[in-house]
């Protein structure tokens, strides 16, 4: 049996497909993320400035490691268009081969 390797999964959402692609490409090009998955447009319902609002959003799943996680968060805060972007960091385990690939890509 192959061992699992720890990774970080960072989640965020944006209002436009173009911004999703810009963020994804920037994170991968800067070697802060090995992969960013952009999910199809979905609906978010949340409270903002005292009102319940609903918006169409695209969701990004950013794959990185513990060493780069805070850098990803900082990078997102400075490049994201939202005043208060959703940035959620999740500890995850990946298949050994995928985890090794992720580490290789982050150390380019």
N, C-alpha and C. Protein backbone atom coordinates (compact mmCIF):
# COMPACT_ATOMS: atom_id res chain seq x y z
N UNK A 1 0.84 -1.19 0.00
CA UNK A 1 0.00 0.00 0.00
C UNK A 1 0.88 1.25 0.00
N UNK A 2 0.55 2.19 -0.83
CA UNK A 2 1.30 3.44 -0.92
C UNK A 2 0.80 4.41 0.14
N UNK A 3 1.73 5.18 0.67
CA UNK A 3 1.35 6.13 1.71
C UNK A 3 0.73 7.39 1.11
N UNK A 4 -0.01 8.07 1.93
CA UNK A 4 -0.61 9.35 1.55
C UNK A 4 0.31 10.47 2.00
N UNK A 5 0.27 11.57 1.29
CA UNK A 5 1.08 12.73 1.64
C UNK A 5 0.19 13.92 1.97
N UNK A 6 0.58 14.74 2.97
CA UNK A 6 -0.23 15.90 3.32
C UNK A 6 -0.11 17.01 2.29
N UNK A 7 -1.24 17.63 1.99
CA UNK A 7 -1.27 18.80 1.11
C UNK A 7 -2.23 19.82 1.73
N UNK A 8 -2.25 21.00 1.17
CA UNK A 8 -3.23 22.03 1.54
C UNK A 8 -4.13 22.28 0.35
N UNK A 9 -5.41 22.36 0.62
CA UNK A 9 -6.40 22.72 -0.37
C UNK A 9 -6.95 24.08 0.05
N UNK A 10 -6.79 25.06 -0.80
CA UNK A 10 -7.24 26.42 -0.49
C UNK A 10 -8.40 26.75 -1.43
N UNK A 11 -9.50 27.16 -0.85
CA UNK A 11 -10.72 27.43 -1.60
C UNK A 11 -11.01 28.92 -1.64
N UNK A 12 -11.45 29.39 -2.79
CA UNK A 12 -11.89 30.77 -2.92
C UNK A 12 -12.94 30.83 -4.02
N UNK A 13 -13.61 31.96 -4.13
CA UNK A 13 -14.62 32.16 -5.17
C UNK A 13 -14.48 33.55 -5.75
N UNK A 14 -14.88 33.70 -7.02
CA UNK A 14 -14.82 34.98 -7.71
C UNK A 14 -16.08 35.15 -8.55
N UNK A 15 -16.35 36.35 -8.96
CA UNK A 15 -17.58 36.65 -9.69
C UNK A 15 -17.51 36.47 -11.19
N UNK A 16 -16.30 36.33 -11.75
CA UNK A 16 -16.17 36.28 -13.20
C UNK A 16 -15.17 35.21 -13.62
N UNK A 17 -15.45 34.55 -14.74
CA UNK A 17 -14.57 33.50 -15.25
C UNK A 17 -13.18 34.04 -15.56
N UNK A 18 -13.11 35.25 -16.11
CA UNK A 18 -11.81 35.83 -16.47
C UNK A 18 -10.94 36.00 -15.22
N UNK A 19 -11.53 36.46 -14.12
CA UNK A 19 -10.76 36.61 -12.89
C UNK A 19 -10.32 35.25 -12.36
N UNK A 20 -11.18 34.25 -12.46
CA UNK A 20 -10.82 32.90 -12.02
C UNK A 20 -9.58 32.42 -12.77
N UNK A 21 -9.57 32.60 -14.08
CA UNK A 21 -8.42 32.17 -14.88
C UNK A 21 -7.18 33.00 -14.58
N UNK A 22 -7.33 34.28 -14.37
CA UNK A 22 -6.19 35.14 -14.04
C UNK A 22 -5.56 34.72 -12.72
N UNK A 23 -6.38 34.48 -11.71
CA UNK A 23 -5.85 34.04 -10.42
C UNK A 23 -5.18 32.67 -10.55
N UNK A 24 -5.84 31.74 -11.22
CA UNK A 24 -5.29 30.39 -11.38
C UNK A 24 -3.94 30.43 -12.08
N UNK A 25 -3.88 31.13 -13.19
CA UNK A 25 -2.63 31.18 -13.95
C UNK A 25 -1.53 31.88 -13.16
N UNK A 26 -1.87 32.93 -12.42
CA UNK A 26 -0.88 33.63 -11.61
C UNK A 26 -0.30 32.75 -10.51
N UNK A 27 -1.15 31.99 -9.85
CA UNK A 27 -0.68 31.11 -8.77
C UNK A 27 0.20 29.98 -9.30
N UNK A 28 -0.19 29.38 -10.41
CA UNK A 28 0.60 28.28 -10.98
C UNK A 28 1.91 28.83 -11.57
N UNK A 29 1.85 29.94 -12.28
CA UNK A 29 3.06 30.52 -12.89
C UNK A 29 4.09 30.92 -11.85
N UNK A 30 3.64 31.34 -10.67
CA UNK A 30 4.56 31.77 -9.61
C UNK A 30 4.98 30.61 -8.71
N UNK A 31 4.57 29.39 -9.06
CA UNK A 31 4.90 28.17 -8.30
C UNK A 31 4.38 28.20 -6.86
N UNK A 32 3.29 28.93 -6.64
CA UNK A 32 2.64 28.90 -5.33
C UNK A 32 1.62 27.77 -5.27
N UNK A 33 1.12 27.35 -6.43
CA UNK A 33 0.17 26.25 -6.52
C UNK A 33 0.62 25.33 -7.64
N UNK A 34 0.44 24.03 -7.42
CA UNK A 34 0.75 23.07 -8.47
C UNK A 34 -0.40 22.95 -9.46
N UNK A 35 -1.61 23.19 -8.97
CA UNK A 35 -2.81 23.04 -9.78
C UNK A 35 -3.92 23.89 -9.17
N UNK A 36 -4.72 24.49 -10.03
CA UNK A 36 -5.92 25.20 -9.58
C UNK A 36 -7.07 24.72 -10.44
N UNK A 37 -8.05 24.15 -9.80
CA UNK A 37 -9.25 23.69 -10.51
C UNK A 37 -10.29 24.79 -10.44
N UNK A 38 -10.83 25.15 -11.59
CA UNK A 38 -11.90 26.14 -11.66
C UNK A 38 -13.20 25.40 -11.94
N UNK A 39 -14.12 25.49 -11.02
CA UNK A 39 -15.41 24.82 -11.18
C UNK A 39 -16.39 25.71 -11.92
N UNK A 40 -17.39 25.07 -12.50
CA UNK A 40 -18.43 25.81 -13.21
C UNK A 40 -19.11 26.82 -12.30
N UNK A 41 -19.73 27.78 -12.92
CA UNK A 41 -20.44 28.82 -12.20
C UNK A 41 -21.53 28.20 -11.31
N UNK A 42 -21.60 28.70 -10.10
CA UNK A 42 -22.61 28.27 -9.16
C UNK A 42 -23.22 29.48 -8.47
N UNK A 43 -24.07 29.21 -7.52
CA UNK A 43 -24.78 30.28 -6.82
C UNK A 43 -24.34 30.33 -5.36
N UNK A 44 -24.01 31.52 -4.89
CA UNK A 44 -23.68 31.73 -3.48
C UNK A 44 -24.74 32.63 -2.85
N UNK A 45 -25.18 32.26 -1.68
CA UNK A 45 -26.13 33.07 -0.91
C UNK A 45 -25.44 33.41 0.40
N UNK A 46 -25.38 34.70 0.73
CA UNK A 46 -24.65 35.14 1.92
C UNK A 46 -25.21 36.48 2.40
N UNK A 47 -24.80 36.85 3.60
CA UNK A 47 -25.21 38.13 4.16
C UNK A 47 -24.07 39.12 3.92
N UNK A 48 -24.40 40.28 3.35
CA UNK A 48 -23.40 41.32 3.11
C UNK A 48 -24.02 42.66 3.43
N UNK A 49 -23.38 43.37 4.34
CA UNK A 49 -23.81 44.70 4.77
C UNK A 49 -25.28 44.71 5.19
N UNK A 50 -25.64 43.67 5.96
CA UNK A 50 -26.97 43.60 6.55
C UNK A 50 -28.06 43.04 5.66
N UNK A 51 -27.73 42.66 4.42
CA UNK A 51 -28.74 42.13 3.51
C UNK A 51 -28.34 40.73 3.05
N UNK A 52 -29.33 39.89 2.81
CA UNK A 52 -29.08 38.59 2.21
C UNK A 52 -29.03 38.78 0.70
N UNK A 53 -27.91 38.38 0.11
CA UNK A 53 -27.72 38.55 -1.33
C UNK A 53 -27.39 37.20 -1.97
N UNK A 54 -27.56 37.15 -3.27
CA UNK A 54 -27.29 35.94 -4.04
C UNK A 54 -26.50 36.35 -5.28
N UNK A 55 -25.39 35.67 -5.53
CA UNK A 55 -24.55 36.00 -6.68
C UNK A 55 -24.07 34.74 -7.38
N UNK A 56 -23.84 34.86 -8.67
CA UNK A 56 -23.19 33.80 -9.43
C UNK A 56 -21.69 33.90 -9.18
N UNK A 57 -21.05 32.77 -8.92
CA UNK A 57 -19.62 32.76 -8.66
C UNK A 57 -18.97 31.53 -9.28
N UNK A 58 -17.67 31.65 -9.51
CA UNK A 58 -16.82 30.54 -9.93
C UNK A 58 -15.98 30.16 -8.73
N UNK A 59 -15.73 28.86 -8.57
CA UNK A 59 -15.03 28.36 -7.39
C UNK A 59 -13.67 27.81 -7.78
N UNK A 60 -12.66 28.19 -7.02
CA UNK A 60 -11.31 27.73 -7.27
C UNK A 60 -10.86 26.82 -6.14
N UNK A 61 -10.28 25.68 -6.51
CA UNK A 61 -9.66 24.74 -5.56
C UNK A 61 -8.17 24.77 -5.86
N UNK A 62 -7.43 25.34 -4.94
CA UNK A 62 -5.99 25.57 -5.13
C UNK A 62 -5.22 24.50 -4.38
N UNK A 63 -4.36 23.76 -5.08
CA UNK A 63 -3.58 22.70 -4.44
C UNK A 63 -2.15 23.18 -4.21
N UNK A 64 -1.73 23.15 -2.94
CA UNK A 64 -0.39 23.57 -2.56
C UNK A 64 0.05 22.74 -1.36
N UNK A 65 1.13 23.17 -0.71
CA UNK A 65 1.62 22.46 0.48
C UNK A 65 1.67 23.43 1.66
N UNK A 66 2.02 22.90 2.83
CA UNK A 66 2.08 23.72 4.05
C UNK A 66 3.07 24.86 3.92
N UNK A 67 4.16 24.60 3.24
CA UNK A 67 5.22 25.61 3.09
C UNK A 67 4.75 26.83 2.30
N UNK A 68 3.85 26.63 1.34
CA UNK A 68 3.40 27.72 0.48
C UNK A 68 2.01 28.28 0.84
N UNK A 69 1.33 27.66 1.78
CA UNK A 69 -0.07 28.02 2.06
C UNK A 69 -0.23 29.50 2.45
N UNK A 70 0.58 29.99 3.36
CA UNK A 70 0.44 31.39 3.78
C UNK A 70 0.77 32.34 2.64
N UNK A 71 1.74 31.98 1.81
CA UNK A 71 2.06 32.81 0.64
C UNK A 71 0.88 32.86 -0.32
N UNK A 72 0.19 31.73 -0.50
CA UNK A 72 -0.99 31.71 -1.36
C UNK A 72 -2.06 32.63 -0.79
N UNK A 73 -2.31 32.55 0.51
CA UNK A 73 -3.31 33.40 1.15
C UNK A 73 -2.95 34.88 0.94
N UNK A 74 -1.70 35.24 1.19
CA UNK A 74 -1.26 36.63 1.01
C UNK A 74 -1.42 37.07 -0.44
N UNK A 75 -1.04 36.19 -1.37
CA UNK A 75 -1.13 36.51 -2.80
C UNK A 75 -2.59 36.73 -3.18
N UNK A 76 -3.48 35.86 -2.71
CA UNK A 76 -4.91 36.01 -3.01
C UNK A 76 -5.44 37.33 -2.47
N UNK A 77 -5.07 37.67 -1.24
CA UNK A 77 -5.55 38.93 -0.64
C UNK A 77 -5.14 40.13 -1.48
N UNK A 78 -3.97 40.09 -2.08
CA UNK A 78 -3.50 41.25 -2.85
C UNK A 78 -3.98 41.25 -4.31
N UNK A 79 -4.47 40.11 -4.82
CA UNK A 79 -4.89 40.04 -6.21
C UNK A 79 -6.40 39.83 -6.41
N UNK A 80 -7.11 39.55 -5.34
CA UNK A 80 -8.55 39.25 -5.42
C UNK A 80 -9.34 40.55 -5.52
N UNK A 81 -10.43 40.54 -6.28
CA UNK A 81 -11.23 41.76 -6.47
C UNK A 81 -12.21 42.03 -5.32
N UNK A 82 -12.51 41.02 -4.50
CA UNK A 82 -13.49 41.22 -3.42
C UNK A 82 -12.85 41.96 -2.24
N UNK A 83 -13.68 42.77 -1.56
CA UNK A 83 -13.24 43.45 -0.34
C UNK A 83 -12.87 42.43 0.74
N UNK A 84 -13.69 41.40 0.88
CA UNK A 84 -13.47 40.34 1.87
C UNK A 84 -13.58 39.00 1.13
N UNK A 85 -12.48 38.57 0.51
CA UNK A 85 -12.57 37.32 -0.25
C UNK A 85 -12.70 36.10 0.66
N UNK A 86 -13.46 35.14 0.19
CA UNK A 86 -13.52 33.85 0.86
C UNK A 86 -12.19 33.15 0.61
N UNK A 87 -11.46 32.86 1.68
CA UNK A 87 -10.22 32.10 1.58
C UNK A 87 -10.26 31.07 2.71
N UNK A 88 -10.40 29.81 2.34
CA UNK A 88 -10.51 28.73 3.30
C UNK A 88 -9.36 27.76 3.05
N UNK A 89 -8.61 27.44 4.09
CA UNK A 89 -7.47 26.53 3.98
C UNK A 89 -7.84 25.22 4.66
N UNK A 90 -7.72 24.12 3.91
CA UNK A 90 -8.11 22.81 4.40
C UNK A 90 -6.90 21.87 4.36
N UNK A 91 -6.67 21.17 5.46
CA UNK A 91 -5.67 20.10 5.47
C UNK A 91 -6.25 18.91 4.73
N UNK A 92 -5.46 18.34 3.83
CA UNK A 92 -5.92 17.18 3.07
C UNK A 92 -4.78 16.19 2.90
N UNK A 93 -5.14 15.00 2.50
CA UNK A 93 -4.15 13.96 2.20
C UNK A 93 -4.31 13.58 0.73
N UNK A 94 -3.18 13.39 0.06
CA UNK A 94 -3.21 13.05 -1.36
C UNK A 94 -2.51 11.72 -1.60
N UNK A 95 -2.92 11.06 -2.66
CA UNK A 95 -2.22 9.87 -3.11
C UNK A 95 -0.72 10.20 -3.22
N UNK A 96 0.11 9.24 -2.91
CA UNK A 96 1.56 9.45 -2.87
C UNK A 96 2.11 10.03 -4.19
N UNK A 97 1.71 9.45 -5.31
CA UNK A 97 2.21 9.91 -6.60
C UNK A 97 1.78 11.36 -6.87
N UNK A 98 0.53 11.68 -6.56
CA UNK A 98 0.05 13.06 -6.76
C UNK A 98 0.79 14.01 -5.83
N UNK A 99 0.99 13.61 -4.57
CA UNK A 99 1.71 14.44 -3.62
C UNK A 99 3.14 14.71 -4.04
N UNK A 100 3.79 13.70 -4.60
CA UNK A 100 5.16 13.89 -5.09
C UNK A 100 5.17 14.83 -6.29
N UNK A 101 4.21 14.66 -7.20
CA UNK A 101 4.11 15.57 -8.35
C UNK A 101 3.90 17.00 -7.86
N UNK A 102 3.00 17.20 -6.90
CA UNK A 102 2.71 18.53 -6.35
C UNK A 102 3.99 19.15 -5.80
N UNK A 103 4.74 18.40 -5.00
CA UNK A 103 5.99 18.90 -4.42
C UNK A 103 6.98 19.29 -5.51
N UNK A 104 7.09 18.46 -6.54
CA UNK A 104 8.01 18.75 -7.65
C UNK A 104 7.63 20.06 -8.32
N UNK A 105 6.36 20.24 -8.60
CA UNK A 105 5.90 21.46 -9.29
C UNK A 105 6.10 22.71 -8.43
N UNK A 106 5.93 22.59 -7.14
CA UNK A 106 6.08 23.75 -6.26
C UNK A 106 7.54 24.14 -6.07
N UNK A 107 8.45 23.23 -6.35
CA UNK A 107 9.88 23.51 -6.17
C UNK A 107 10.59 23.83 -7.48
N UNK A 108 9.83 24.25 -8.48
CA UNK A 108 10.42 24.64 -9.76
C UNK A 108 11.10 25.99 -9.66
